[in-house]
């Protein structure tokens, strides 16, 4: 199984969805890929804001019972 997971910000706080994820199986691989076509790409920020520009592709192998 493969899951595409992105992180988010809410009111300035960073939330890692990958960190909070419950995995039912064995993680085989994690691929970090550049994120394209983001809504925030066209916004100019006044402060030293670093936009989120990546997402994770998590490959999970089912554990045989």
N, C-alpha and C. Protein backbone atom coordinates (compact mmCIF):
# COMPACT_ATOMS: atom_id res chain seq x y z
N UNK A 1 0.85 -1.16 0.00
CA UNK A 1 0.00 0.00 0.00
C UNK A 1 0.90 1.23 0.00
N UNK A 2 0.47 2.26 -0.66
CA UNK A 2 1.21 3.53 -0.70
C UNK A 2 0.29 4.66 -0.25
N UNK A 3 0.80 5.52 0.61
CA UNK A 3 0.05 6.68 1.10
C UNK A 3 0.82 7.95 0.77
N UNK A 4 0.14 8.94 0.21
CA UNK A 4 0.73 10.24 -0.05
C UNK A 4 0.26 11.18 1.06
N UNK A 5 1.21 11.68 1.85
CA UNK A 5 0.88 12.45 3.05
C UNK A 5 1.57 13.81 3.00
N UNK A 6 0.83 14.85 3.31
CA UNK A 6 1.40 16.19 3.38
C UNK A 6 1.30 16.74 4.79
N UNK A 7 2.15 17.68 5.11
CA UNK A 7 2.09 18.37 6.40
C UNK A 7 1.25 19.62 6.23
N UNK A 8 0.91 20.25 7.36
CA UNK A 8 0.08 21.46 7.27
C UNK A 8 0.47 22.45 8.37
N UNK A 9 0.01 23.67 8.19
CA UNK A 9 0.15 24.71 9.19
C UNK A 9 -1.23 25.25 9.51
N UNK A 10 -1.43 25.59 10.79
CA UNK A 10 -2.68 26.20 11.20
C UNK A 10 -2.35 27.26 12.23
N UNK A 11 -2.67 28.50 11.91
CA UNK A 11 -2.38 29.65 12.78
C UNK A 11 -0.91 29.68 13.19
N UNK A 12 -0.03 29.38 12.24
CA UNK A 12 1.41 29.46 12.48
C UNK A 12 2.03 28.21 13.07
N UNK A 13 1.24 27.25 13.52
CA UNK A 13 1.77 26.01 14.09
C UNK A 13 1.90 24.95 13.00
N UNK A 14 3.00 24.19 13.03
CA UNK A 14 3.31 23.17 12.04
C UNK A 14 2.82 21.82 12.56
N UNK A 15 2.09 21.10 11.73
CA UNK A 15 1.57 19.78 12.09
C UNK A 15 2.09 18.75 11.09
N UNK A 16 2.84 17.78 11.59
CA UNK A 16 3.37 16.72 10.74
C UNK A 16 2.40 15.55 10.75
N UNK A 17 1.74 15.32 9.62
CA UNK A 17 0.79 14.21 9.52
C UNK A 17 1.53 12.87 9.56
N UNK A 18 2.76 12.83 9.04
CA UNK A 18 3.55 11.60 9.05
C UNK A 18 3.89 11.19 10.48
N UNK A 19 4.20 12.17 11.32
CA UNK A 19 4.55 11.90 12.72
C UNK A 19 3.35 11.33 13.49
N UNK A 20 2.16 11.82 13.18
CA UNK A 20 0.95 11.42 13.90
C UNK A 20 0.30 10.16 13.33
N UNK A 21 0.85 9.61 12.25
CA UNK A 21 0.23 8.50 11.54
C UNK A 21 0.39 7.18 12.31
N UNK A 22 -0.70 6.42 12.42
CA UNK A 22 -0.66 5.06 12.95
C UNK A 22 -0.46 4.12 11.77
N UNK A 23 0.61 3.35 11.81
CA UNK A 23 0.93 2.45 10.69
C UNK A 23 0.51 1.04 11.06
N UNK A 24 -0.31 0.44 10.21
CA UNK A 24 -0.73 -0.94 10.39
C UNK A 24 0.00 -1.78 9.36
N UNK A 25 1.21 -2.14 9.67
CA UNK A 25 2.08 -2.88 8.77
C UNK A 25 3.51 -2.43 8.98
N UNK A 26 4.39 -2.85 8.08
CA UNK A 26 5.80 -2.50 8.16
C UNK A 26 6.10 -1.42 7.12
N UNK A 27 6.73 -0.34 7.55
CA UNK A 27 7.12 0.71 6.61
C UNK A 27 8.29 0.19 5.79
N UNK A 28 8.08 0.05 4.49
CA UNK A 28 9.11 -0.43 3.58
C UNK A 28 10.01 0.71 3.11
N UNK A 29 9.41 1.87 2.86
CA UNK A 29 10.18 2.98 2.32
C UNK A 29 9.41 4.29 2.54
N UNK A 30 10.15 5.37 2.66
CA UNK A 30 9.57 6.71 2.73
C UNK A 30 10.27 7.56 1.68
N UNK A 31 9.49 8.09 0.76
CA UNK A 31 10.03 8.94 -0.30
C UNK A 31 9.53 10.36 -0.05
N UNK A 32 10.46 11.31 0.00
CA UNK A 32 10.09 12.71 0.17
C UNK A 32 10.12 13.35 -1.22
N UNK A 33 8.99 13.90 -1.64
CA UNK A 33 8.91 14.48 -2.98
C UNK A 33 8.50 15.94 -2.91
N UNK A 34 8.93 16.69 -3.91
CA UNK A 34 8.57 18.10 -4.00
C UNK A 34 7.08 18.21 -4.30
N UNK A 35 6.45 19.17 -3.66
CA UNK A 35 5.02 19.39 -3.83
C UNK A 35 4.80 20.49 -4.86
N UNK A 36 3.96 20.23 -5.86
CA UNK A 36 3.68 21.18 -6.93
C UNK A 36 2.25 21.69 -6.84
N UNK A 37 1.99 22.83 -7.47
CA UNK A 37 0.66 23.42 -7.57
C UNK A 37 0.01 23.69 -6.22
N UNK A 38 0.78 24.26 -5.29
CA UNK A 38 0.26 24.60 -3.96
C UNK A 38 -0.45 25.95 -4.02
N UNK A 39 -1.49 26.10 -3.24
CA UNK A 39 -2.21 27.37 -3.16
C UNK A 39 -1.28 28.46 -2.62
N UNK A 40 -0.43 28.11 -1.67
CA UNK A 40 0.45 29.10 -1.04
C UNK A 40 1.62 29.53 -1.92
N UNK A 41 1.82 28.90 -3.07
CA UNK A 41 2.92 29.30 -3.97
C UNK A 41 2.78 30.72 -4.47
N UNK A 42 1.56 31.20 -4.63
CA UNK A 42 1.31 32.53 -5.19
C UNK A 42 1.13 33.62 -4.14
N UNK A 43 1.35 33.30 -2.87
CA UNK A 43 1.16 34.27 -1.79
C UNK A 43 2.52 34.81 -1.35
N UNK A 44 2.61 36.13 -1.21
CA UNK A 44 3.82 36.78 -0.70
C UNK A 44 3.64 37.00 0.80
N UNK A 45 4.58 36.50 1.59
CA UNK A 45 4.51 36.62 3.04
C UNK A 45 5.46 37.71 3.52
N UNK A 46 5.03 38.49 4.51
CA UNK A 46 5.82 39.61 5.01
C UNK A 46 6.94 39.17 5.95
N UNK A 47 6.72 38.12 6.70
CA UNK A 47 7.73 37.69 7.68
C UNK A 47 8.62 36.61 7.08
N UNK A 48 9.46 36.01 7.91
CA UNK A 48 10.39 34.98 7.46
C UNK A 48 9.69 33.62 7.43
N UNK A 49 8.64 33.54 6.68
CA UNK A 49 7.82 32.34 6.57
C UNK A 49 8.44 31.40 5.54
N UNK A 50 8.67 30.16 5.91
CA UNK A 50 9.17 29.16 4.97
C UNK A 50 8.01 28.25 4.61
N UNK A 51 7.56 28.28 3.36
CA UNK A 51 6.40 27.46 2.98
C UNK A 51 6.74 25.97 2.95
N UNK A 52 5.73 25.15 3.16
CA UNK A 52 5.89 23.70 3.05
C UNK A 52 5.95 23.36 1.57
N UNK A 53 7.02 22.70 1.16
CA UNK A 53 7.18 22.39 -0.26
C UNK A 53 7.46 20.92 -0.50
N UNK A 54 7.04 20.07 0.41
CA UNK A 54 7.27 18.64 0.24
C UNK A 54 6.08 17.85 0.76
N UNK A 55 6.05 16.60 0.37
CA UNK A 55 5.09 15.65 0.91
C UNK A 55 5.77 14.29 0.93
N UNK A 56 5.19 13.36 1.66
CA UNK A 56 5.79 12.04 1.83
C UNK A 56 4.99 10.99 1.08
N UNK A 57 5.69 10.07 0.43
CA UNK A 57 5.06 8.89 -0.13
C UNK A 57 5.55 7.73 0.73
N UNK A 58 4.64 7.15 1.51
CA UNK A 58 4.99 6.09 2.46
C UNK A 58 4.54 4.75 1.87
N UNK A 59 5.50 3.83 1.73
CA UNK A 59 5.21 2.49 1.22
C UNK A 59 5.11 1.56 2.42
N UNK A 60 3.94 0.93 2.58
CA UNK A 60 3.68 0.06 3.73
C UNK A 60 3.42 -1.36 3.24
N UNK A 61 4.07 -2.32 3.89
CA UNK A 61 3.87 -3.73 3.56
C UNK A 61 3.00 -4.36 4.64
N UNK A 62 1.97 -5.07 4.21
CA UNK A 62 1.07 -5.73 5.14
C UNK A 62 1.81 -6.87 5.83
N UNK A 63 1.62 -6.96 7.15
CA UNK A 63 2.23 -8.04 7.92
C UNK A 63 1.33 -9.27 7.81
N UNK A 64 1.94 -10.38 7.39
CA UNK A 64 1.16 -11.62 7.26
C UNK A 64 0.87 -12.18 8.64
N UNK A 65 -0.38 -12.58 8.85
CA UNK A 65 -0.74 -13.11 10.18
C UNK A 65 -0.72 -14.61 10.20
